[in-house]
Amino acid sequence: MTTKITVGDSDVLLVVDVQNDFCPGGRLPVPQGHEVVPFVNRLATHFRHVVLTQDWHPPGHHSFASSHAGRQPFETVDVVYGQQVLWPDHCVQGTPGAQFHDDLQIPHAQLVLRKGFRSPIDSYSAFYENDRKTPTGLASYLRERGLTRVFLAGLAFDFCVRYSAEDARREGFAVVVIEDACRGIDVGGSMAATRQSLAALGIATVAADAIARGGE
């Protein structure tokens, strides 16, 4: 029998980057990325508080392989803030690929947090840019709202979900990753590394059917 986790008023669902470019047919498709949509829609009905993140890059972003002569997508380069995986151009501001998946239906979401809009720096985490120093303001927002436990779902498990979960934990929030409501890319063993990192930080990973609304 699955142990249920009851959702309350101090919990928030963080839905990470469920955008067209990360789904089949997009510029940077996560394998089976579209499969998270029904999970996320259903999960969101259990939460009073929902935040959506949206990758939102300007043209020519420094993380794009096209911005580096002779480089190909998925190569790694050294930049001022460390190593950076180079990606295909994706989630460019105002393009269809940057929009949320058409079937994502969470009308009660209270915040859309855009990230990756600074040209020189990528932003996997919903809490910090990839320099691990520049905050997005999300931690302060959650504290101001009295939210103390963060549940995560979305794309991709081994990048933006992982970094968001790690930073939420380091910011002092209780964190739960709903793994079957995520899909991953798996670049250079990144899926296994993600599971190891989450376990080391004491971050729980659960299935969607473990989540129940208070009173259920």
N, C-alpha and C. Protein backbone atom coordinates (compact mmCIF):
# COMPACT_ATOMS: atom_id res chain seq x y z
N MET A 1 0.85 -1.21 0.00
CA MET A 1 0.00 0.00 0.00
C MET A 1 0.88 1.25 0.00
N THR A 2 0.57 2.21 -0.86
CA THR A 2 1.33 3.43 -0.95
C THR A 2 1.03 4.35 0.23
N THR A 3 2.08 4.80 0.91
CA THR A 3 1.89 5.76 1.99
C THR A 3 1.54 7.11 1.39
N LYS A 4 0.43 7.69 1.82
CA LYS A 4 -0.03 8.95 1.25
C LYS A 4 0.67 10.14 1.91
N ILE A 5 0.93 11.16 1.11
CA ILE A 5 1.43 12.43 1.59
C ILE A 5 0.29 13.43 1.44
N THR A 6 -0.17 13.96 2.56
CA THR A 6 -1.30 14.87 2.53
C THR A 6 -0.83 16.30 2.30
N VAL A 7 -1.42 16.94 1.31
CA VAL A 7 -1.06 18.30 0.94
C VAL A 7 -1.88 19.29 1.76
N GLY A 8 -1.18 20.32 2.26
CA GLY A 8 -1.85 21.33 3.06
C GLY A 8 -1.61 22.74 2.54
N ASP A 9 -2.03 23.73 3.31
CA ASP A 9 -1.98 25.12 2.87
C ASP A 9 -0.57 25.70 2.84
N SER A 10 0.40 25.03 3.46
CA SER A 10 1.77 25.53 3.41
C SER A 10 2.61 24.82 2.36
N ASP A 11 1.95 24.05 1.49
CA ASP A 11 2.63 23.32 0.42
C ASP A 11 2.43 24.02 -0.92
N VAL A 12 3.42 23.89 -1.80
CA VAL A 12 3.34 24.47 -3.14
C VAL A 12 3.82 23.45 -4.16
N LEU A 13 3.14 23.40 -5.29
CA LEU A 13 3.57 22.57 -6.41
C LEU A 13 4.34 23.47 -7.38
N LEU A 14 5.59 23.12 -7.63
CA LEU A 14 6.43 23.85 -8.58
C LEU A 14 6.48 23.04 -9.87
N VAL A 15 5.85 23.55 -10.91
CA VAL A 15 5.76 22.87 -12.21
C VAL A 15 6.84 23.46 -13.10
N VAL A 16 7.82 22.64 -13.46
CA VAL A 16 9.04 23.13 -14.10
C VAL A 16 8.98 22.95 -15.62
N ASP A 17 8.95 24.05 -16.33
CA ASP A 17 9.27 24.12 -17.78
C ASP A 17 8.49 23.13 -18.64
N VAL A 18 7.20 23.04 -18.46
CA VAL A 18 6.39 22.17 -19.32
C VAL A 18 6.03 22.99 -20.57
N GLN A 19 7.02 23.11 -21.46
CA GLN A 19 6.94 23.99 -22.62
C GLN A 19 7.11 23.20 -23.91
N ASN A 20 6.63 23.78 -25.00
CA ASN A 20 6.60 23.07 -26.27
C ASN A 20 7.98 22.60 -26.72
N ASP A 21 9.00 23.43 -26.53
CA ASP A 21 10.33 23.04 -27.00
C ASP A 21 10.91 21.85 -26.25
N PHE A 22 10.38 21.54 -25.07
CA PHE A 22 10.86 20.40 -24.30
C PHE A 22 10.00 19.15 -24.52
N CYS A 23 9.05 19.24 -25.41
CA CYS A 23 8.17 18.12 -25.72
C CYS A 23 8.43 17.64 -27.16
N PRO A 24 7.98 16.44 -27.51
CA PRO A 24 8.22 15.94 -28.87
C PRO A 24 7.82 16.96 -29.93
N GLY A 25 8.71 17.14 -30.91
CA GLY A 25 8.49 18.14 -31.94
C GLY A 25 9.13 19.48 -31.64
N GLY A 26 9.64 19.64 -30.41
CA GLY A 26 10.27 20.89 -30.01
C GLY A 26 11.75 20.92 -30.35
N ARG A 27 12.39 22.04 -30.03
CA ARG A 27 13.80 22.23 -30.38
C ARG A 27 14.74 21.46 -29.46
N LEU A 28 14.30 21.17 -28.25
CA LEU A 28 15.11 20.41 -27.30
C LEU A 28 14.21 19.40 -26.59
N PRO A 29 13.71 18.42 -27.33
CA PRO A 29 12.69 17.53 -26.77
C PRO A 29 13.26 16.59 -25.71
N VAL A 30 12.60 16.54 -24.59
CA VAL A 30 12.88 15.55 -23.57
C VAL A 30 12.10 14.29 -23.96
N PRO A 31 12.75 13.13 -24.04
CA PRO A 31 12.02 11.92 -24.44
C PRO A 31 10.75 11.72 -23.61
N GLN A 32 9.63 11.57 -24.31
CA GLN A 32 8.32 11.40 -23.68
C GLN A 32 7.94 12.57 -22.76
N GLY A 33 8.48 13.74 -23.06
CA GLY A 33 8.21 14.89 -22.19
C GLY A 33 6.74 15.22 -22.07
N HIS A 34 5.98 15.02 -23.13
CA HIS A 34 4.55 15.33 -23.10
C HIS A 34 3.79 14.47 -22.11
N GLU A 35 4.38 13.33 -21.72
CA GLU A 35 3.67 12.43 -20.82
C GLU A 35 3.49 13.00 -19.42
N VAL A 36 4.24 14.04 -19.08
CA VAL A 36 4.07 14.61 -17.74
C VAL A 36 2.80 15.43 -17.63
N VAL A 37 2.24 15.88 -18.75
CA VAL A 37 1.14 16.85 -18.71
C VAL A 37 -0.07 16.33 -17.94
N PRO A 38 -0.60 15.13 -18.23
CA PRO A 38 -1.75 14.67 -17.45
C PRO A 38 -1.42 14.46 -15.98
N PHE A 39 -0.20 14.01 -15.67
CA PHE A 39 0.20 13.88 -14.27
C PHE A 39 0.15 15.24 -13.58
N VAL A 40 0.73 16.24 -14.22
CA VAL A 40 0.82 17.57 -13.61
C VAL A 40 -0.57 18.18 -13.45
N ASN A 41 -1.41 18.06 -14.47
CA ASN A 41 -2.76 18.61 -14.37
C ASN A 41 -3.52 18.00 -13.19
N ARG A 42 -3.38 16.69 -13.05
CA ARG A 42 -4.08 16.01 -11.97
C ARG A 42 -3.51 16.39 -10.60
N LEU A 43 -2.18 16.43 -10.52
CA LEU A 43 -1.54 16.81 -9.26
C LEU A 43 -1.95 18.21 -8.82
N ALA A 44 -2.03 19.12 -9.78
CA ALA A 44 -2.31 20.51 -9.45
C ALA A 44 -3.66 20.69 -8.76
N THR A 45 -4.59 19.77 -9.01
CA THR A 45 -5.90 19.89 -8.36
C THR A 45 -5.81 19.65 -6.86
N HIS A 46 -4.72 19.04 -6.40
CA HIS A 46 -4.55 18.79 -4.97
C HIS A 46 -3.95 19.99 -4.23
N PHE A 47 -3.42 20.95 -4.99
CA PHE A 47 -2.66 22.04 -4.38
C PHE A 47 -3.41 23.37 -4.50
N ARG A 48 -3.48 24.07 -3.39
CA ARG A 48 -4.01 25.42 -3.42
C ARG A 48 -3.00 26.37 -4.08
N HIS A 49 -1.70 26.09 -3.88
CA HIS A 49 -0.64 26.97 -4.37
C HIS A 49 0.16 26.26 -5.46
N VAL A 50 0.25 26.89 -6.63
CA VAL A 50 1.01 26.34 -7.75
C VAL A 50 1.83 27.46 -8.38
N VAL A 51 3.10 27.16 -8.67
CA VAL A 51 3.99 28.07 -9.38
C VAL A 51 4.47 27.37 -10.65
N LEU A 52 4.44 28.06 -11.77
CA LEU A 52 4.95 27.55 -13.03
C LEU A 52 6.26 28.24 -13.37
N THR A 53 7.26 27.49 -13.84
CA THR A 53 8.46 28.13 -14.36
C THR A 53 8.46 28.03 -15.88
N GLN A 54 9.10 29.02 -16.49
CA GLN A 54 9.12 29.12 -17.96
C GLN A 54 10.52 29.54 -18.40
N ASP A 55 11.21 28.64 -19.11
CA ASP A 55 12.48 28.98 -19.72
C ASP A 55 12.22 30.09 -20.73
N TRP A 56 13.05 31.16 -20.72
CA TRP A 56 12.69 32.36 -21.49
C TRP A 56 13.96 33.05 -21.98
N HIS A 57 14.58 32.44 -23.01
CA HIS A 57 15.88 32.90 -23.47
C HIS A 57 15.77 33.97 -24.55
N PRO A 58 16.64 34.98 -24.50
CA PRO A 58 16.74 35.90 -25.64
C PRO A 58 17.45 35.21 -26.80
N PRO A 59 17.25 35.68 -28.03
CA PRO A 59 18.01 35.13 -29.16
C PRO A 59 19.51 35.26 -28.89
N GLY A 60 20.26 34.25 -29.33
CA GLY A 60 21.71 34.29 -29.16
C GLY A 60 22.19 34.05 -27.75
N HIS A 61 21.37 33.41 -26.93
CA HIS A 61 21.76 33.14 -25.54
C HIS A 61 23.09 32.38 -25.49
N HIS A 62 23.88 32.66 -24.46
CA HIS A 62 25.23 32.10 -24.36
C HIS A 62 25.22 30.58 -24.20
N SER A 63 24.11 30.00 -23.77
CA SER A 63 24.03 28.55 -23.61
C SER A 63 23.72 27.83 -24.91
N PHE A 64 23.44 28.57 -25.98
CA PHE A 64 23.12 27.95 -27.26
C PHE A 64 24.41 27.57 -27.99
N ALA A 65 24.47 26.37 -28.53
CA ALA A 65 25.64 25.96 -29.30
C ALA A 65 25.87 26.89 -30.48
N SER A 66 24.79 27.43 -31.02
CA SER A 66 24.91 28.33 -32.18
C SER A 66 25.64 29.62 -31.85
N SER A 67 25.80 29.91 -30.57
CA SER A 67 26.52 31.12 -30.15
C SER A 67 28.02 30.88 -30.02
N HIS A 68 28.47 29.64 -30.27
CA HIS A 68 29.87 29.27 -30.11
C HIS A 68 30.36 28.63 -31.41
N ALA A 69 31.21 29.34 -32.12
CA ALA A 69 31.67 28.87 -33.43
C ALA A 69 32.32 27.49 -33.32
N GLY A 70 31.90 26.59 -34.19
CA GLY A 70 32.49 25.26 -34.25
C GLY A 70 31.98 24.29 -33.20
N ARG A 71 31.06 24.72 -32.36
CA ARG A 71 30.54 23.85 -31.31
C ARG A 71 29.21 23.24 -31.72
N GLN A 72 28.91 22.06 -31.15
CA GLN A 72 27.68 21.35 -31.43
C GLN A 72 26.85 21.21 -30.16
N PRO A 73 25.53 21.07 -30.31
CA PRO A 73 24.70 20.83 -29.13
C PRO A 73 25.18 19.63 -28.32
N PHE A 74 25.09 19.77 -27.01
CA PHE A 74 25.43 18.76 -26.01
C PHE A 74 26.92 18.66 -25.73
N GLU A 75 27.74 19.47 -26.41
CA GLU A 75 29.12 19.62 -25.98
C GLU A 75 29.15 20.47 -24.71
N THR A 76 30.23 20.35 -23.96
CA THR A 76 30.39 21.12 -22.73
C THR A 76 31.55 22.10 -22.89
N VAL A 77 31.33 23.33 -22.44
CA VAL A 77 32.38 24.35 -22.50
C VAL A 77 32.57 24.95 -21.11
N ASP A 78 33.71 25.56 -20.90
CA ASP A 78 33.97 26.28 -19.65
C ASP A 78 33.58 27.74 -19.84
N VAL A 79 32.78 28.23 -18.91
CA VAL A 79 32.38 29.64 -18.91
C VAL A 79 32.74 30.23 -17.56
N VAL A 80 32.47 31.50 -17.35
CA VAL A 80 32.95 32.17 -16.14
C VAL A 80 32.37 31.55 -14.86
N TYR A 81 31.20 30.92 -14.95
CA TYR A 81 30.58 30.35 -13.76
C TYR A 81 30.74 28.83 -13.68
N GLY A 82 31.61 28.25 -14.54
CA GLY A 82 31.85 26.81 -14.48
C GLY A 82 31.59 26.16 -15.83
N GLN A 83 31.20 24.89 -15.79
CA GLN A 83 30.92 24.17 -17.03
C GLN A 83 29.49 24.41 -17.49
N GLN A 84 29.33 24.50 -18.79
CA GLN A 84 28.03 24.75 -19.38
C GLN A 84 27.79 23.77 -20.52
N VAL A 85 26.71 23.01 -20.43
CA VAL A 85 26.29 22.20 -21.57
C VAL A 85 25.71 23.14 -22.62
N LEU A 86 26.10 22.96 -23.87
CA LEU A 86 25.56 23.76 -24.96
C LEU A 86 24.32 23.09 -25.52
N TRP A 87 23.29 23.88 -25.71
CA TRP A 87 21.99 23.35 -26.12
C TRP A 87 21.62 23.85 -27.51
N PRO A 88 20.72 23.13 -28.18
CA PRO A 88 20.11 23.73 -29.37
C PRO A 88 19.36 25.00 -28.96
N ASP A 89 19.22 25.95 -29.88
CA ASP A 89 18.40 27.12 -29.59
C ASP A 89 17.01 26.63 -29.15
N HIS A 90 16.54 27.13 -28.02
CA HIS A 90 15.25 26.66 -27.51
C HIS A 90 14.62 27.71 -26.61
N CYS A 91 13.31 27.64 -26.49
CA CYS A 91 12.53 28.51 -25.60
C CYS A 91 12.94 29.98 -25.78
N VAL A 92 13.06 30.39 -27.03
CA VAL A 92 13.39 31.77 -27.34
C VAL A 92 12.15 32.64 -27.09
N GLN A 93 12.38 33.76 -26.43
CA GLN A 93 11.29 34.63 -26.00
C GLN A 93 10.31 34.92 -27.13
N GLY A 94 9.04 34.71 -26.86
CA GLY A 94 7.99 35.05 -27.80
C GLY A 94 7.73 34.03 -28.90
N THR A 95 8.49 32.94 -28.92
CA THR A 95 8.29 31.92 -29.96
C THR A 95 7.30 30.86 -29.48
N PRO A 96 6.69 30.13 -30.42
CA PRO A 96 5.78 29.06 -30.00
C PRO A 96 6.45 28.02 -29.11
N GLY A 97 7.73 27.76 -29.35
CA GLY A 97 8.42 26.76 -28.54
C GLY A 97 8.55 27.14 -27.09
N ALA A 98 8.52 28.44 -26.80
CA ALA A 98 8.64 28.90 -25.42
C ALA A 98 7.32 28.85 -24.66
N GLN A 99 6.23 28.65 -25.37
CA GLN A 99 4.93 28.64 -24.72
C GLN A 99 4.69 27.33 -23.97
N PHE A 100 3.82 27.39 -22.99
CA PHE A 100 3.46 26.18 -22.27
C PHE A 100 2.73 25.21 -23.20
N HIS A 101 2.88 23.92 -22.92
CA HIS A 101 2.19 22.89 -23.69
C HIS A 101 0.69 23.19 -23.70
N ASP A 102 0.09 23.04 -24.86
CA ASP A 102 -1.33 23.41 -25.01
C ASP A 102 -2.25 22.68 -24.04
N ASP A 103 -1.89 21.47 -23.67
CA ASP A 103 -2.76 20.68 -22.80
C ASP A 103 -2.52 20.94 -21.31
N LEU A 104 -1.54 21.78 -20.98
CA LEU A 104 -1.31 22.12 -19.58
C LEU A 104 -2.45 23.01 -19.10
N GLN A 105 -3.19 22.55 -18.13
CA GLN A 105 -4.37 23.26 -17.67
C GLN A 105 -4.31 23.45 -16.16
N ILE A 106 -3.75 24.57 -15.74
CA ILE A 106 -3.66 24.88 -14.31
C ILE A 106 -4.10 26.34 -14.13
N PRO A 107 -5.39 26.60 -14.26
CA PRO A 107 -5.86 27.99 -14.24
C PRO A 107 -5.64 28.70 -12.91
N HIS A 108 -5.47 27.93 -11.84
CA HIS A 108 -5.30 28.58 -10.53
C HIS A 108 -3.84 28.83 -10.17
N ALA A 109 -2.90 28.57 -11.10
CA ALA A 109 -1.50 28.88 -10.82
C ALA A 109 -1.37 30.36 -10.46
N GLN A 110 -0.56 30.64 -9.44
CA GLN A 110 -0.50 31.99 -8.89
C GLN A 110 0.71 32.79 -9.38
N LEU A 111 1.70 32.11 -9.95
CA LEU A 111 2.90 32.80 -10.39
C LEU A 111 3.50 32.05 -11.57
N VAL A 112 3.93 32.81 -12.59
CA VAL A 112 4.77 32.27 -13.66
C VAL A 112 6.14 32.92 -13.52
N LEU A 113 7.14 32.10 -13.22
CA LEU A 113 8.49 32.61 -13.02
C LEU A 113 9.32 32.30 -14.25
N ARG A 114 9.76 33.37 -14.93
CA ARG A 114 10.59 33.21 -16.13
C ARG A 114 12.06 33.22 -15.73
N LYS A 115 12.82 32.33 -16.37
CA LYS A 115 14.23 32.19 -16.03
C LYS A 115 15.05 32.02 -17.31
N GLY A 116 16.36 32.29 -17.20
CA GLY A 116 17.23 32.17 -18.36
C GLY A 116 17.15 33.35 -19.30
N PHE A 117 16.66 34.49 -18.80
CA PHE A 117 16.48 35.65 -19.68
C PHE A 117 17.71 36.56 -19.72
N ARG A 118 18.72 36.26 -18.90
CA ARG A 118 19.97 37.01 -18.97
C ARG A 118 20.90 36.34 -19.98
N SER A 119 21.30 37.05 -21.02
CA SER A 119 22.06 36.45 -22.12
C SER A 119 23.34 35.74 -21.70
N PRO A 120 24.12 36.27 -20.74
CA PRO A 120 25.42 35.65 -20.47
C PRO A 120 25.37 34.42 -19.58
N ILE A 121 24.20 34.09 -19.02
CA ILE A 121 24.19 33.04 -18.00
C ILE A 121 22.94 32.18 -18.15
N ASP A 122 23.12 30.88 -18.00
CA ASP A 122 21.98 29.97 -18.06
C ASP A 122 21.33 29.90 -16.69
N SER A 123 20.15 29.33 -16.64
CA SER A 123 19.42 29.23 -15.38
C SER A 123 18.60 27.95 -15.37
N TYR A 124 19.15 26.89 -14.79
CA TYR A 124 18.40 25.65 -14.65
C TYR A 124 17.42 25.75 -13.48
N SER A 125 17.91 26.23 -12.36
CA SER A 125 17.14 26.26 -11.13
C SER A 125 16.09 27.36 -11.17
N ALA A 126 14.98 27.11 -10.51
CA ALA A 126 13.96 28.15 -10.32
C ALA A 126 14.35 29.13 -9.23
N PHE A 127 15.42 28.83 -8.50
CA PHE A 127 15.82 29.66 -7.36
C PHE A 127 17.06 30.50 -7.64
N TYR A 128 18.00 29.98 -8.44
CA TYR A 128 19.25 30.69 -8.72
C TYR A 128 19.66 30.51 -10.16
N GLU A 129 20.36 31.53 -10.69
CA GLU A 129 21.02 31.38 -11.97
C GLU A 129 22.15 30.35 -11.80
N ASN A 130 22.76 29.95 -12.92
CA ASN A 130 23.78 28.90 -12.85
C ASN A 130 25.08 29.34 -12.19
N ASP A 131 25.23 30.62 -11.89
CA ASP A 131 26.38 31.03 -11.09
C ASP A 131 26.20 30.66 -9.63
N ARG A 132 24.98 30.17 -9.27
CA ARG A 132 24.63 29.74 -7.93
C ARG A 132 24.63 30.91 -6.93
N LYS A 133 24.66 32.13 -7.45
CA LYS A 133 24.70 33.32 -6.59
C LYS A 133 23.54 34.27 -6.85
N THR A 134 23.12 34.38 -8.11
CA THR A 134 22.10 35.35 -8.48
C THR A 134 20.71 34.77 -8.25
N PRO A 135 19.95 35.30 -7.28
CA PRO A 135 18.65 34.71 -6.98
C PRO A 135 17.57 35.15 -7.96
N THR A 136 16.58 34.31 -8.13
CA THR A 136 15.42 34.65 -8.96
C THR A 136 14.35 35.37 -8.16
N GLY A 137 14.42 35.28 -6.85
CA GLY A 137 13.38 35.86 -5.98
C GLY A 137 12.35 34.85 -5.53
N LEU A 138 12.42 33.61 -6.02
CA LEU A 138 11.40 32.63 -5.69
C LEU A 138 11.42 32.26 -4.20
N ALA A 139 12.61 32.10 -3.63
CA ALA A 139 12.67 31.72 -2.21
C ALA A 139 11.98 32.77 -1.34
N SER A 140 12.23 34.03 -1.62
CA SER A 140 11.60 35.10 -0.84
C SER A 140 10.10 35.11 -1.05
N TYR A 141 9.67 34.88 -2.28
CA TYR A 141 8.24 34.82 -2.57
C TYR A 141 7.56 33.73 -1.75
N LEU A 142 8.16 32.54 -1.73
CA LEU A 142 7.56 31.43 -1.00
C LEU A 142 7.51 31.73 0.49
N ARG A 143 8.57 32.32 1.02
CA ARG A 143 8.59 32.64 2.45
C ARG A 143 7.53 33.69 2.79
N GLU A 144 7.40 34.69 1.94
CA GLU A 144 6.39 35.73 2.18
C GLU A 144 4.99 35.14 2.18
N ARG A 145 4.80 34.09 1.40
CA ARG A 145 3.48 33.44 1.34
C ARG A 145 3.29 32.41 2.44
N GLY A 146 4.32 32.15 3.23
CA GLY A 146 4.21 31.16 4.30
C GLY A 146 4.25 29.73 3.80
N LEU A 147 4.87 29.51 2.65
CA LEU A 147 4.95 28.16 2.06
C LEU A 147 6.26 27.52 2.48
N THR A 148 6.19 26.29 2.97
CA THR A 148 7.37 25.67 3.58
C THR A 148 7.78 24.35 2.95
N ARG A 149 6.92 23.76 2.13
CA ARG A 149 7.26 22.49 1.50
C ARG A 149 7.00 22.59 0.00
N VAL A 150 8.02 22.22 -0.79
CA VAL A 150 7.99 22.37 -2.24
C VAL A 150 7.91 20.99 -2.89
N PHE A 151 6.88 20.76 -3.68
CA PHE A 151 6.75 19.56 -4.49
C PHE A 151 7.10 19.93 -5.93
N LEU A 152 7.91 19.10 -6.59
CA LEU A 152 8.35 19.42 -7.94
C LEU A 152 7.93 18.37 -8.95
N ALA A 153 7.56 18.86 -10.15
CA ALA A 153 7.24 18.00 -11.28
C ALA A 153 7.60 18.77 -12.54
N GLY A 154 7.85 18.03 -13.64
CA GLY A 154 8.09 18.71 -14.90
C GLY A 154 9.33 18.25 -15.63
N LEU A 155 9.98 19.20 -16.32
CA LEU A 155 11.06 18.90 -17.26
C LEU A 155 12.25 19.83 -17.03
N ALA A 156 13.43 19.29 -17.19
CA ALA A 156 13.75 17.87 -17.25
C ALA A 156 14.22 17.43 -15.86
N PHE A 157 13.95 16.19 -15.53
CA PHE A 157 14.26 15.65 -14.20
C PHE A 157 15.71 15.87 -13.82
N ASP A 158 16.63 15.68 -14.77
CA ASP A 158 18.06 15.68 -14.46
C ASP A 158 18.73 17.04 -14.68
N PHE A 159 17.95 18.07 -14.98
CA PHE A 159 18.51 19.41 -15.09
C PHE A 159 17.67 20.40 -14.27
N CYS A 160 16.63 20.95 -14.86
CA CYS A 160 15.92 22.03 -14.16
C CYS A 160 15.17 21.55 -12.93
N VAL A 161 14.61 20.34 -12.96
CA VAL A 161 13.97 19.82 -11.75
C VAL A 161 15.03 19.55 -10.69
N ARG A 162 16.12 18.91 -11.09
CA ARG A 162 17.19 18.60 -10.12
C ARG A 162 17.72 19.86 -9.44
N TYR A 163 18.12 20.84 -10.23
CA TYR A 163 18.73 22.04 -9.64
C TYR A 163 17.74 22.82 -8.79
N SER A 164 16.49 22.83 -9.21
CA SER A 164 15.46 23.51 -8.42
C SER A 164 15.25 22.81 -7.08
N ALA A 165 15.23 21.48 -7.11
CA ALA A 165 15.05 20.71 -5.88
C ALA A 165 16.23 20.93 -4.93
N GLU A 166 17.44 20.87 -5.48
CA GLU A 166 18.64 21.06 -4.65
C GLU A 166 18.64 22.44 -4.00
N ASP A 167 18.31 23.46 -4.78
CA ASP A 167 18.34 24.81 -4.23
C ASP A 167 17.21 25.03 -3.24
N ALA A 168 16.05 24.44 -3.48
CA ALA A 168 14.96 24.56 -2.51
C ALA A 168 15.38 23.96 -1.17
N ARG A 169 16.05 22.82 -1.22
CA ARG A 169 16.51 22.19 0.01
C ARG A 169 17.55 23.06 0.72
N ARG A 170 18.49 23.60 -0.04
CA ARG A 170 19.53 24.44 0.56
C ARG A 170 18.96 25.74 1.13
N GLU A 171 17.81 26.16 0.59
CA GLU A 171 17.14 27.35 1.11
C GLU A 171 16.28 27.05 2.34
N GLY A 172 16.26 25.79 2.75
CA GLY A 172 15.58 25.44 3.99
C GLY A 172 14.17 24.91 3.84
N PHE A 173 13.73 24.71 2.61
CA PHE A 173 12.40 24.16 2.40
C PHE A 173 12.44 22.64 2.46
N ALA A 174 11.36 22.04 2.93
CA ALA A 174 11.17 20.61 2.74
C ALA A 174 10.87 20.39 1.26
N VAL A 175 11.40 19.30 0.69
CA VAL A 175 11.32 19.11 -0.76
C VAL A 175 10.89 17.69 -1.08
N VAL A 176 9.97 17.57 -2.03
CA VAL A 176 9.51 16.28 -2.54
C VAL A 176 9.51 16.35 -4.07
N VAL A 177 10.19 15.40 -4.71
CA VAL A 177 10.17 15.30 -6.17
C VAL A 177 9.22 14.18 -6.57
N ILE A 178 8.27 14.50 -7.42
CA ILE A 178 7.29 13.52 -7.89
C ILE A 178 7.84 12.93 -9.18
N GLU A 179 8.56 11.83 -9.06
CA GLU A 179 9.42 11.38 -10.16
C GLU A 179 8.65 10.91 -11.38
N ASP A 180 7.50 10.29 -11.22
CA ASP A 180 6.79 9.84 -12.41
C ASP A 180 6.05 10.98 -13.11
N ALA A 181 6.09 12.17 -12.52
CA ALA A 181 5.57 13.37 -13.16
C ALA A 181 6.71 14.20 -13.76
N CYS A 182 7.87 13.56 -13.95
CA CYS A 182 9.04 14.17 -14.58
C CYS A 182 9.53 13.25 -15.70
N ARG A 183 10.28 13.80 -16.62
CA ARG A 183 11.01 13.03 -17.61
C ARG A 183 12.40 13.65 -17.73
N GLY A 184 13.41 12.83 -18.12
CA GLY A 184 14.77 13.31 -18.16
C GLY A 184 15.41 13.21 -19.53
N ILE A 185 16.55 13.91 -19.67
CA ILE A 185 17.31 13.90 -20.92
C ILE A 185 18.40 12.83 -20.88
N ASP A 186 19.10 12.72 -19.76
CA ASP A 186 20.19 11.78 -19.52
C ASP A 186 21.38 12.05 -20.42
N VAL A 187 22.07 13.14 -20.14
CA VAL A 187 23.30 13.52 -20.82
C VAL A 187 24.47 13.11 -19.93
N GLY A 188 25.31 12.18 -20.40
CA GLY A 188 26.49 11.80 -19.65
C GLY A 188 26.20 11.24 -18.26
N GLY A 189 25.16 10.43 -18.15
CA GLY A 189 24.83 9.82 -16.87
C GLY A 189 24.12 10.74 -15.90
N SER A 190 23.48 11.79 -16.42
CA SER A 190 22.87 12.80 -15.54
C SER A 190 21.66 12.29 -14.75
N MET A 191 20.98 11.27 -15.26
CA MET A 191 19.84 10.72 -14.50
C MET A 191 20.33 10.05 -13.21
N ALA A 192 21.34 9.20 -13.33
CA ALA A 192 21.87 8.52 -12.15
C ALA A 192 22.47 9.53 -11.18
N ALA A 193 23.17 10.53 -11.71
CA ALA A 193 23.76 11.54 -10.85
C ALA A 193 22.69 12.32 -10.09
N THR A 194 21.57 12.56 -10.74
CA THR A 194 20.47 13.28 -10.09
C THR A 194 19.91 12.48 -8.92
N ARG A 195 19.67 11.20 -9.14
CA ARG A 195 19.12 10.38 -8.05
C ARG A 195 20.10 10.32 -6.87
N GLN A 196 21.38 10.23 -7.16
CA GLN A 196 22.39 10.21 -6.09
C GLN A 196 22.40 11.52 -5.33
N SER A 197 22.32 12.62 -6.04
CA SER A 197 22.34 13.93 -5.40
C SER A 197 21.11 14.15 -4.53
N LEU A 198 19.95 13.81 -5.04
CA LEU A 198 18.72 13.99 -4.27
C LEU A 198 18.76 13.15 -3.00
N ALA A 199 19.23 11.92 -3.12
CA ALA A 199 19.32 11.05 -1.94
C ALA A 199 20.29 11.62 -0.92
N ALA A 200 21.42 12.13 -1.39
CA ALA A 200 22.43 12.68 -0.48
C ALA A 200 21.91 13.88 0.29
N LEU A 201 21.00 14.64 -0.33
CA LEU A 201 20.43 15.81 0.33
C LEU A 201 19.17 15.49 1.13
N GLY A 202 18.78 14.22 1.14
CA GLY A 202 17.59 13.84 1.89
C GLY A 202 16.30 14.28 1.24
N ILE A 203 16.32 14.45 -0.08
CA ILE A 203 15.12 14.87 -0.82
C ILE A 203 14.31 13.64 -1.20
N ALA A 204 13.06 13.61 -0.80
CA ALA A 204 12.20 12.47 -1.07
C ALA A 204 11.78 12.44 -2.54
N THR A 205 11.76 11.26 -3.13
CA THR A 205 11.20 11.05 -4.45
C THR A 205 10.03 10.09 -4.31
N VAL A 206 8.89 10.49 -4.85
CA VAL A 206 7.66 9.70 -4.68
C VAL A 206 6.94 9.60 -6.02
N ALA A 207 5.91 8.77 -6.03
CA ALA A 207 5.04 8.65 -7.20
C ALA A 207 3.83 9.56 -7.02
N ALA A 208 3.24 9.93 -8.15
CA ALA A 208 2.11 10.86 -8.11
C ALA A 208 0.94 10.33 -7.29
N ASP A 209 0.75 9.01 -7.30
CA ASP A 209 -0.40 8.48 -6.56
C ASP A 209 -0.20 8.49 -5.06
N ALA A 210 0.97 8.94 -4.61
CA ALA A 210 1.20 9.11 -3.17
C ALA A 210 0.68 10.44 -2.66
N ILE A 211 0.32 11.34 -3.57
CA ILE A 211 -0.09 12.69 -3.18
C ILE A 211 -1.59 12.74 -3.01
N ALA A 212 -2.03 13.25 -1.87
CA ALA A 212 -3.46 13.37 -1.59
C ALA A 212 -3.74 14.75 -1.02
N ARG A 213 -4.86 15.31 -1.39
CA ARG A 213 -5.30 16.59 -0.84
C ARG A 213 -5.82 16.38 0.57
N GLY A 214 -5.61 17.35 1.42
CA GLY A 214 -6.12 17.27 2.79
C GLY A 214 -7.61 17.00 2.80
N GLY A 215 -8.04 16.03 3.60
CA GLY A 215 -9.45 15.67 3.67
C GLY A 215 -9.81 14.49 2.81
N GLU A 216 -8.88 14.06 1.94
CA GLU A 216 -9.17 12.90 1.07
C GLU A 216 -8.92 11.60 1.83
